[in-house]
C-alpha atoms as a PDB file:
ATOM      1  CA  MET A   1     147.356  97.843 102.649  1.00  0.00           C
ATOM      2  CA  ALA A   2     145.714  98.850 105.905  1.00  0.00           C
ATOM      3  CA  LYS A   3     146.423  96.693 108.916  1.00  0.00           C
ATOM      4  CA  ARG A   4     143.435  94.645 110.053  1.00  0.00           C
ATOM      5  CA  PHE A   5     142.994  95.296 113.730  1.00  0.00           C
ATOM      6  CA  GLN A   6     141.434  92.262 115.303  1.00  0.00           C
ATOM      7  CA  ARG A   7     140.736  93.760 118.710  1.00  0.00           C
ATOM      8  CA  ILE A   8     139.534  97.359 119.068  1.00  0.00           C
ATOM      9  CA  VAL A   9     138.619  99.439 122.119  1.00  0.00           C
ATOM     10  CA  LEU A  10     136.165 102.236 121.379  1.00  0.00           C
ATOM     11  CA  LYS A  11     135.655 104.982 123.927  1.00  0.00           C
ATOM     12  CA  PHE A  12     132.343 106.874 123.672  1.00  0.00           C
ATOM     13  CA  GLY A  13     132.180 110.120 125.634  1.00  0.00           C
ATOM     14  CA  SER A  14     129.073 111.615 127.188  1.00  0.00           C
ATOM     15  CA  GLY A  15     129.108 114.417 124.630  1.00  0.00           C
ATOM     16  CA  ILE A  16     128.443 112.043 121.729  1.00  0.00           C
ATOM     17  CA  LEU A  17     125.835 109.913 123.512  1.00  0.00           C
ATOM     18  CA  SER A  18     123.620 112.555 125.065  1.00  0.00           C
ATOM     19  CA  THR A  19     121.211 114.985 123.492  1.00  0.00           C
ATOM     20  CA  ARG A  20     122.571 118.362 122.446  1.00  0.00           C
ATOM     21  CA  LYS A  21     121.308 119.794 125.758  1.00  0.00           C
ATOM     22  CA  GLY A  22     122.994 117.000 127.669  1.00  0.00           C
ATOM     23  CA  VAL A  23     119.850 115.723 129.382  1.00  0.00           C
ATOM     24  CA  GLY A  24     119.040 112.145 128.386  1.00  0.00           C
ATOM     25  CA  LEU A  25     120.458 109.942 125.668  1.00  0.00           C
ATOM     26  CA  SER A  26     120.299 110.569 121.941  1.00  0.00           C
ATOM     27  CA  ARG A  27     118.691 107.417 120.521  1.00  0.00           C
ATOM     28  CA  PRO A  28     119.589 108.331 116.903  1.00  0.00           C
ATOM     29  CA  GLN A  29     123.239 108.685 117.924  1.00  0.00           C
ATOM     30  CA  LEU A  30     123.217 105.373 119.758  1.00  0.00           C
ATOM     31  CA  ALA A  31     121.574 103.660 116.806  1.00  0.00           C
ATOM     32  CA  ARG A  32     124.197 104.992 114.393  1.00  0.00           C
ATOM     33  CA  LEU A  33     127.107 104.073 116.651  1.00  0.00           C
ATOM     34  CA  ALA A  34     125.677 100.569 117.073  1.00  0.00           C
ATOM     35  CA  ARG A  35     125.379 100.188 113.299  1.00  0.00           C
ATOM     36  CA  GLU A  36     129.002 101.179 112.811  1.00  0.00           C
ATOM     37  CA  VAL A  37     130.257  98.879 115.565  1.00  0.00           C
ATOM     38  CA  GLY A  38     128.068  96.101 114.170  1.00  0.00           C
ATOM     39  CA  ALA A  39     129.721  96.509 110.785  1.00  0.00           C
ATOM     40  CA  LEU A  40     133.147  96.162 112.391  1.00  0.00           C
ATOM     41  CA  VAL A  41     132.102  92.996 114.225  1.00  0.00           C
ATOM     42  CA  ARG A  42     130.684  91.488 111.041  1.00  0.00           C
ATOM     43  CA  ALA A  43     133.992  92.282 109.337  1.00  0.00           C
ATOM     44  CA  GLY A  44     135.738  90.083 111.882  1.00  0.00           C
ATOM     45  CA  HIS A  45     136.933  92.595 114.462  1.00  0.00           C
ATOM     46  CA  GLU A  46     136.518  92.170 118.211  1.00  0.00           C
ATOM     47  CA  CYS A  47     135.105  95.353 119.705  1.00  0.00           C
ATOM     48  CA  VAL A  48     134.954  96.517 123.298  1.00  0.00           C
ATOM     49  CA  ILE A  49     133.201  99.763 124.197  1.00  0.00           C
ATOM     50  CA  VAL A  50     134.176 101.946 127.142  1.00  0.00           C
ATOM     51  CA  SER A  51     131.146 104.149 127.575  1.00  0.00           C
ATOM     52  CA  SER A  52     130.299 107.221 129.577  1.00  0.00           C
ATOM     53  CA  GLY A  53     126.744 108.561 129.587  1.00  0.00           C
ATOM     54  CA  ALA A  54     125.215 107.142 132.758  1.00  0.00           C
ATOM     55  CA  VAL A  55     124.932 110.535 134.441  1.00  0.00           C
ATOM     56  CA  ALA A  56     123.373 112.135 131.370  1.00  0.00           C
ATOM     57  CA  ALA A  57     120.922 109.228 131.139  1.00  0.00           C
ATOM     58  CA  GLY A  58     119.910 109.680 134.772  1.00  0.00           C
ATOM     59  CA  LEU A  59     119.291 113.424 134.657  1.00  0.00           C
ATOM     60  CA  ALA A  60     115.878 113.211 133.034  1.00  0.00           C
ATOM     61  CA  THR A  61     114.708 110.446 135.366  1.00  0.00           C
ATOM     62  CA  LEU A  62     115.625 112.521 138.407  1.00  0.00           C
ATOM     63  CA  GLU A  63     114.052 115.572 136.742  1.00  0.00           C
ATOM     64  CA  LEU A  64     117.262 117.577 136.689  1.00  0.00           C
ATOM     65  CA  ALA A  65     117.933 120.145 133.988  1.00  0.00           C
ATOM     66  CA  ALA A  66     121.721 120.081 134.254  1.00  0.00           C
ATOM     67  CA  ARG A  67     124.585 118.001 135.594  1.00  0.00           C
ATOM     68  CA  PRO A  68     124.673 118.547 139.389  1.00  0.00           C
ATOM     69  CA  ARG A  69     127.827 119.794 141.068  1.00  0.00           C
ATOM     70  CA  GLN A  70     127.465 117.733 144.229  1.00  0.00           C
ATOM     71  CA  LEU A  71     129.279 114.399 143.992  1.00  0.00           C
ATOM     72  CA  ALA A  72     126.531 112.413 145.738  1.00  0.00           C
ATOM     73  CA  ALA A  73     123.951 113.822 143.328  1.00  0.00           C
ATOM     74  CA  ARG A  74     126.091 112.851 140.317  1.00  0.00           C
ATOM     75  CA  GLN A  75     126.536 109.360 141.726  1.00  0.00           C
ATOM     76  CA  ALA A  76     122.756 109.111 142.184  1.00  0.00           C
ATOM     77  CA  CYS A  77     122.291 110.122 138.538  1.00  0.00           C
ATOM     78  CA  ALA A  78     124.786 107.451 137.506  1.00  0.00           C
ATOM     79  CA  ALA A  79     123.043 104.796 139.597  1.00  0.00           C
ATOM     80  CA  VAL A  80     119.711 105.586 137.937  1.00  0.00           C
ATOM     81  CA  GLY A  81     121.135 106.191 134.486  1.00  0.00           C
ATOM     82  CA  GLN A  82     123.345 103.114 134.136  1.00  0.00           C
ATOM     83  CA  SER A  83     120.404 100.765 133.653  1.00  0.00           C
ATOM     84  CA  ARG A  84     118.844 103.173 131.144  1.00  0.00           C
ATOM     85  CA  LEU A  85     122.149 103.408 129.298  1.00  0.00           C
ATOM     86  CA  MET A  86     122.498  99.636 129.050  1.00  0.00           C
ATOM     87  CA  HIS A  87     118.869  99.212 127.985  1.00  0.00           C
ATOM     88  CA  ALA A  88     119.463 101.716 125.198  1.00  0.00           C
ATOM     89  CA  TYR A  89     122.594  99.877 124.101  1.00  0.00           C
ATOM     90  CA  ALA A  90     120.842  96.510 124.242  1.00  0.00           C
ATOM     91  CA  SER A  91     118.001  97.808 122.062  1.00  0.00           C
ATOM     92  CA  ALA A  92     120.355  99.408 119.543  1.00  0.00           C
ATOM     93  CA  PHE A  93     122.621  96.369 119.217  1.00  0.00           C
ATOM     94  CA  ALA A  94     119.700  93.940 119.050  1.00  0.00           C
ATOM     95  CA  LYS A  95     118.884  95.518 115.697  1.00  0.00           C
ATOM     96  CA  GLN A  96     122.396  94.500 114.631  1.00  0.00           C
ATOM     97  CA  LYS A  97     121.738  90.947 115.903  1.00  0.00           C
ATOM     98  CA  LEU A  98     124.331  91.474 118.609  1.00  0.00           C
ATOM     99  CA  ALA A  99     124.106  91.097 122.371  1.00  0.00           C
ATOM    100  CA  VAL A 100     125.773  93.367 124.913  1.00  0.00           C
ATOM    101  CA  ALA A 101     127.449  92.600 128.219  1.00  0.00           C
ATOM    102  CA  GLN A 102     127.894  95.080 131.050  1.00  0.00           C
ATOM    103  CA  LEU A 103     131.086  95.336 133.070  1.00  0.00           C
ATOM    104  CA  LEU A 104     131.400  97.981 135.792  1.00  0.00           C
ATOM    105  CA  LEU A 105     135.017  98.523 136.774  1.00  0.00           C
ATOM    106  CA  THR A 106     137.086 100.855 138.906  1.00  0.00           C
ATOM    107  CA  HIS A 107     140.776 101.629 138.573  1.00  0.00           C
ATOM    108  CA  SER A 108     141.404  99.580 141.725  1.00  0.00           C
ATOM    109  CA  ASP A 109     139.902  96.562 139.955  1.00  0.00           C
ATOM    110  CA  LEU A 110     142.642  96.784 137.346  1.00  0.00           C
ATOM    111  CA  ASP A 111     145.328  97.460 139.963  1.00  0.00           C
ATOM    112  CA  SER A 112     144.438  94.259 141.800  1.00  0.00           C
ATOM    113  CA  ARG A 113     146.203  91.290 140.214  1.00  0.00           C
ATOM    114  CA  THR A 114     143.367  88.875 140.916  1.00  0.00           C
ATOM    115  CA  ARG A 115     140.607  91.191 139.674  1.00  0.00           C
ATOM    116  CA  HIS A 116     142.780  92.218 136.729  1.00  0.00           C
ATOM    117  CA  VAL A 117     143.056  88.587 135.604  1.00  0.00           C
ATOM    118  CA  ASN A 118     139.361  87.947 136.236  1.00  0.00           C
ATOM    119  CA  ALA A 119     138.345  90.972 134.140  1.00  0.00           C
ATOM    120  CA  ARG A 120     140.676  89.943 131.321  1.00  0.00           C
ATOM    121  CA  ASN A 121     139.381  86.370 131.317  1.00  0.00           C
ATOM    122  CA  THR A 122     135.756  87.523 131.341  1.00  0.00           C
ATOM    123  CA  LEU A 123     136.344  89.836 128.389  1.00  0.00           C
ATOM    124  CA  ALA A 124     138.236  87.146 126.464  1.00  0.00           C
ATOM    125  CA  HIS A 125     135.361  84.705 126.962  1.00  0.00           C
ATOM    126  CA  LEU A 126     132.758  87.250 125.861  1.00  0.00           C
ATOM    127  CA  LEU A 127     134.717  88.219 122.753  1.00  0.00           C
ATOM    128  CA  ALA A 128     135.206  84.571 121.835  1.00  0.00           C
ATOM    129  CA  ARG A 129     131.426  84.210 121.475  1.00  0.00           C
ATOM    130  CA  GLY A 130     131.554  86.366 118.360  1.00  0.00           C
ATOM    131  CA  HIS A 131     128.196  88.080 118.822  1.00  0.00           C
ATOM    132  CA  VAL A 132     128.663  89.902 122.130  1.00  0.00           C
ATOM    133  CA  VAL A 133     129.884  93.480 122.525  1.00  0.00           C
ATOM    134  CA  PRO A 134     131.223  94.136 126.050  1.00  0.00           C
ATOM    135  CA  ILE A 135     130.349  97.608 127.325  1.00  0.00           C
ATOM    136  CA  ILE A 136     132.475  98.908 130.173  1.00  0.00           C
ATOM    137  CA  ASN A 137     131.810 101.877 132.418  1.00  0.00           C
ATOM    138  CA  GLU A 138     133.393 102.974 135.627  1.00  0.00           C
ATOM    139  CA  ASN A 139     131.308 102.023 138.643  1.00  0.00           C
ATOM    140  CA  ASP A 140     130.253 105.622 139.245  1.00  0.00           C
ATOM    141  CA  SER A 141     127.919 104.879 142.126  1.00  0.00           C
ATOM    142  CA  VAL A 142     130.923 103.931 144.289  1.00  0.00           C
ATOM    143  CA  ALA A 143     133.977 105.313 142.467  1.00  0.00           C
ATOM    144  CA  VAL A 144     134.739 108.997 142.041  1.00  0.00           C
ATOM    145  CA  GLU A 145     137.643 109.096 139.565  1.00  0.00           C
ATOM    146  CA  GLU A 146     135.561 109.218 136.402  1.00  0.00           C
ATOM    147  CA  LEU A 147     133.009 111.634 137.812  1.00  0.00           C
ATOM    148  CA  ASN A 148     135.672 114.071 138.938  1.00  0.00           C
ATOM    149  CA  PHE A 149     138.429 113.700 136.392  1.00  0.00           C
ATOM    150  CA  GLY A 150     138.722 111.518 133.342  1.00  0.00           C
ATOM    151  CA  ASP A 151     135.360 110.807 131.751  1.00  0.00           C
ATOM    152  CA  ASN A 152     136.555 107.213 131.238  1.00  0.00           C
ATOM    153  CA  ASP A 153     139.489 108.296 129.070  1.00  0.00           C
ATOM    154  CA  ARG A 154     142.171 106.671 131.207  1.00  0.00           C
ATOM    155  CA  LEU A 155     139.955 103.641 131.753  1.00  0.00           C
ATOM    156  CA  SER A 156     139.734 103.116 127.983  1.00  0.00           C
ATOM    157  CA  ALA A 157     143.531 103.014 127.745  1.00  0.00           C
ATOM    158  CA  GLU A 158     143.738 100.640 130.700  1.00  0.00           C
ATOM    159  CA  VAL A 159     141.173  98.334 129.100  1.00  0.00           C
ATOM    160  CA  ALA A 160     143.057  98.432 125.784  1.00  0.00           C
ATOM    161  CA  ILE A 161     146.195  97.341 127.613  1.00  0.00           C
ATOM    162  CA  LEU A 162     144.259  94.739 129.607  1.00  0.00           C
ATOM    163  CA  ILE A 163     143.014  92.930 126.500  1.00  0.00           C
ATOM    164  CA  ASP A 164     146.061  93.516 124.273  1.00  0.00           C
ATOM    165  CA  ALA A 165     144.047  95.606 121.837  1.00  0.00           C
ATOM    166  CA  GLY A 166     145.432  96.509 118.445  1.00  0.00           C
ATOM    167  CA  LEU A 167     143.779  99.921 118.370  1.00  0.00           C
ATOM    168  CA  LEU A 168     142.188 102.455 120.713  1.00  0.00           C
ATOM    169  CA  ILE A 169     139.683 104.902 119.239  1.00  0.00           C
ATOM    170  CA  ILE A 170     138.552 107.765 121.484  1.00  0.00           C
ATOM    171  CA  LEU A 171     135.450 109.378 120.025  1.00  0.00           C
ATOM    172  CA  THR A 172     134.573 112.814 121.314  1.00  0.00           C
ATOM    173  CA  SER A 173     132.706 115.990 120.367  1.00  0.00           C
ATOM    174  CA  VAL A 174     135.594 117.532 118.423  1.00  0.00           C
ATOM    175  CA  ASP A 175     137.585 116.385 115.407  1.00  0.00           C
ATOM    176  CA  GLY A 176     140.789 115.713 117.338  1.00  0.00           C
ATOM    177  CA  LEU A 177     143.626 117.658 118.899  1.00  0.00           C
ATOM    178  CA  GLN A 178     143.618 121.170 117.487  1.00  0.00           C
ATOM    179  CA  ASP A 179     146.516 123.537 116.921  1.00  0.00           C
ATOM    180  CA  ALA A 180     146.621 127.238 117.789  1.00  0.00           C
ATOM    181  CA  GLN A 181     144.750 128.060 114.563  1.00  0.00           C
ATOM    182  CA  GLY A 182     141.966 125.615 115.347  1.00  0.00           C
ATOM    183  CA  LYS A 183     143.082 123.055 112.760  1.00  0.00           C
ATOM    184  CA  THR A 184     143.200 119.357 113.594  1.00  0.00           C
ATOM    185  CA  VAL A 185     146.687 117.995 114.190  1.00  0.00           C
ATOM    186  CA  PRO A 186     146.824 114.863 111.992  1.00  0.00           C
ATOM    187  CA  VAL A 187     149.689 112.980 113.660  1.00  0.00           C
ATOM    188  CA  VAL A 188     151.383 113.219 117.055  1.00  0.00           C
ATOM    189  CA  LYS A 189     154.672 111.381 117.635  1.00  0.00           C
ATOM    190  CA  ASP A 190     156.071 113.623 120.387  1.00  0.00           C
ATOM    191  CA  PHE A 191     153.636 114.297 123.217  1.00  0.00           C
ATOM    192  CA  SER A 192     155.799 117.007 124.737  1.00  0.00           C
ATOM    193  CA  ALA A 193     155.650 118.945 121.465  1.00  0.00           C
ATOM    194  CA  VAL A 194     151.858 119.285 121.641  1.00  0.00           C
ATOM    195  CA  SER A 195     151.364 119.698 125.386  1.00  0.00           C
ATOM    196  CA  GLY A 196     151.025 123.453 124.933  1.00  0.00           C
ATOM    197  CA  LEU A 197     148.069 122.953 122.601  1.00  0.00           C
ATOM    198  CA  VAL A 198     145.985 121.169 125.206  1.00  0.00           C
ATOM    199  CA  ARG A 199     143.409 123.143 127.144  1.00  0.00           C
ATOM    200  CA  SER A 200     141.532 121.989 130.208  1.00  0.00           C
ATOM    201  CA  ASP A 201     138.120 123.055 128.919  1.00  0.00           C
ATOM    202  CA  LYS A 202     135.414 120.442 128.538  1.00  0.00           C
ATOM    203  CA  GLY A 203     131.831 120.052 127.398  1.00  0.00           C
ATOM    204  CA  HIS A 204     128.904 120.725 129.689  1.00  0.00           C
ATOM    205  CA  VAL A 205     128.026 117.029 129.872  1.00  0.00           C
ATOM    206  CA  SER A 206     131.534 115.599 130.133  1.00  0.00           C
ATOM    207  CA  THR A 207     134.097 115.495 132.924  1.00  0.00           C
ATOM    208  CA  GLY A 208     137.138 114.971 130.781  1.00  0.00           C
ATOM    209  CA  GLY A 209     138.674 117.252 128.210  1.00  0.00           C
ATOM    210  CA  MET A 210     141.507 116.998 125.717  1.00  0.00           C
ATOM    211  CA  VAL A 211     143.956 116.820 128.629  1.00  0.00           C
ATOM    212  CA  THR A 212     142.711 113.417 129.792  1.00  0.00           C
ATOM    213  CA  LYS A 213     142.376 112.159 126.232  1.00  0.00           C
ATOM    214  CA  LEU A 214     145.990 113.026 125.511  1.00  0.00           C
ATOM    215  CA  GLN A 215     147.029 111.307 128.747  1.00  0.00           C
ATOM    216  CA  ALA A 216     145.071 108.205 127.726  1.00  0.00           C
ATOM    217  CA  ALA A 217     146.666 108.227 124.277  1.00  0.00           C
ATOM    218  CA  GLN A 218     150.117 108.497 125.824  1.00  0.00           C
ATOM    219  CA  LEU A 219     149.421 105.570 128.152  1.00  0.00           C
ATOM    220  CA  ALA A 220     148.178 103.390 125.282  1.00  0.00           C
ATOM    221  CA  VAL A 221     150.980 104.342 122.901  1.00  0.00           C
ATOM    222  CA  LYS A 222     153.585 103.570 125.550  1.00  0.00           C
ATOM    223  CA  ALA A 223     152.094 100.054 125.701  1.00  0.00           C
ATOM    224  CA  GLY A 224     152.371  99.697 121.926  1.00  0.00           C
ATOM    225  CA  ILE A 225     148.730 100.461 121.071  1.00  0.00           C
ATOM    226  CA  PRO A 226     148.096 103.048 118.323  1.00  0.00           C
ATOM    227  CA  THR A 227     145.406 105.528 119.274  1.00  0.00           C
ATOM    228  CA  VAL A 228     143.094 107.869 117.385  1.00  0.00           C
ATOM    229  CA  ILE A 229     141.084 110.769 118.784  1.00  0.00           C
ATOM    230  CA  ALA A 230     138.267 111.731 116.440  1.00  0.00           C
ATOM    231  CA  SER A 231     134.729 113.057 116.289  1.00  0.00           C
ATOM    232  CA  GLY A 232     131.931 110.753 117.356  1.00  0.00           C
ATOM    233  CA  ARG A 233     129.381 113.045 115.757  1.00  0.00           C
ATOM    234  CA  ARG A 234     130.582 112.319 112.218  1.00  0.00           C
ATOM    235  CA  ALA A 235     129.162 109.228 110.563  1.00  0.00           C
ATOM    236  CA  GLY A 236     131.438 106.581 109.102  1.00  0.00           C
ATOM    237  CA  LEU A 237     134.667 107.512 110.862  1.00  0.00           C
ATOM    238  CA  MET A 238     135.123 104.218 112.724  1.00  0.00           C
ATOM    239  CA  ALA A 239     135.386 102.193 109.523  1.00  0.00           C
ATOM    240  CA  ARG A 240     137.717 104.751 107.968  1.00  0.00           C
ATOM    241  CA  ILE A 241     140.022 104.711 110.984  1.00  0.00           C
ATOM    242  CA  VAL A 242     140.156 100.904 111.072  1.00  0.00           C
ATOM    243  CA  ALA A 243     140.867 100.909 107.314  1.00  0.00           C
ATOM    244  CA  GLY A 244     143.966 102.986 107.996  1.00  0.00           C
ATOM    245  CA  GLN A 245     142.716 106.324 106.752  1.00  0.00           C
ATOM    246  CA  ARG A 246     144.012 109.428 108.496  1.00  0.00           C
ATOM    247  CA  VAL A 247     141.031 110.759 110.397  1.00  0.00           C
ATOM    248  CA  GLY A 248     141.185 112.935 113.482  1.00  0.00           C
ATOM    249  CA  THR A 249     144.491 112.860 115.361  1.00  0.00           C
ATOM    250  CA  HIS A 250     146.562 109.695 115.051  1.00  0.00           C
ATOM    251  CA  PHE A 251     149.075 108.634 117.709  1.00  0.00           C
ATOM    252  CA  PRO A 252     151.340 105.893 116.278  1.00  0.00           C
ATOM    253  CA  ALA A 253     152.482 103.148 118.640  1.00  0.00           C
ATOM    254  CA  LYS A 254     156.028 103.209 119.952  1.00  0.00           C
END
């Protein structure tokens, strides 16, 4: 029998939220993801989303055809796009009769004991309501870590640890960690054994890559949280993962 995970952190990368060209958000994708999360909530699970996508959402508003290289320009896109991202989430989840709550965090927020406790208490209160899905993004207009490095991957692991999650699901544009032949590695128990498979390449709308996802998985697993990296472009995978089916790359907890 599959274990029923009561608290799940879902990380949505920019590559699965934006249009294929990376400019603006894909409303059909958001609607589908909201339906799948809504089904999990109705089944009794507590779901927290760590979401990228603010920069992609801001590109169209600022009339830019591609992600800018200059940090200040990317932060401006994030500042404009964050409200558009949350509006899109609110609209999509309203159709599931669910509300959303926005939390903008930085890594320093979680390093500070006081802010760490405040964030944990806020999330616990929101989840206790039963009909609210917290959506967390790094505060890109003032922080630079996510814009330069991790695409919220590490943040998703930190949030999973913060709330004592039972499962971390990192949804990305590929099916999982791939071996030298391009086949998905189903299970990883030894991170050192697969380090040679990880490349630093990334999508044109994302700042992370498989490197940061593997680092996030390692951080979560070390804290006792099983992690799955899977495709966010394939419908129905969230429910299958939560049901215990082997989808994508599974990292069992220590």
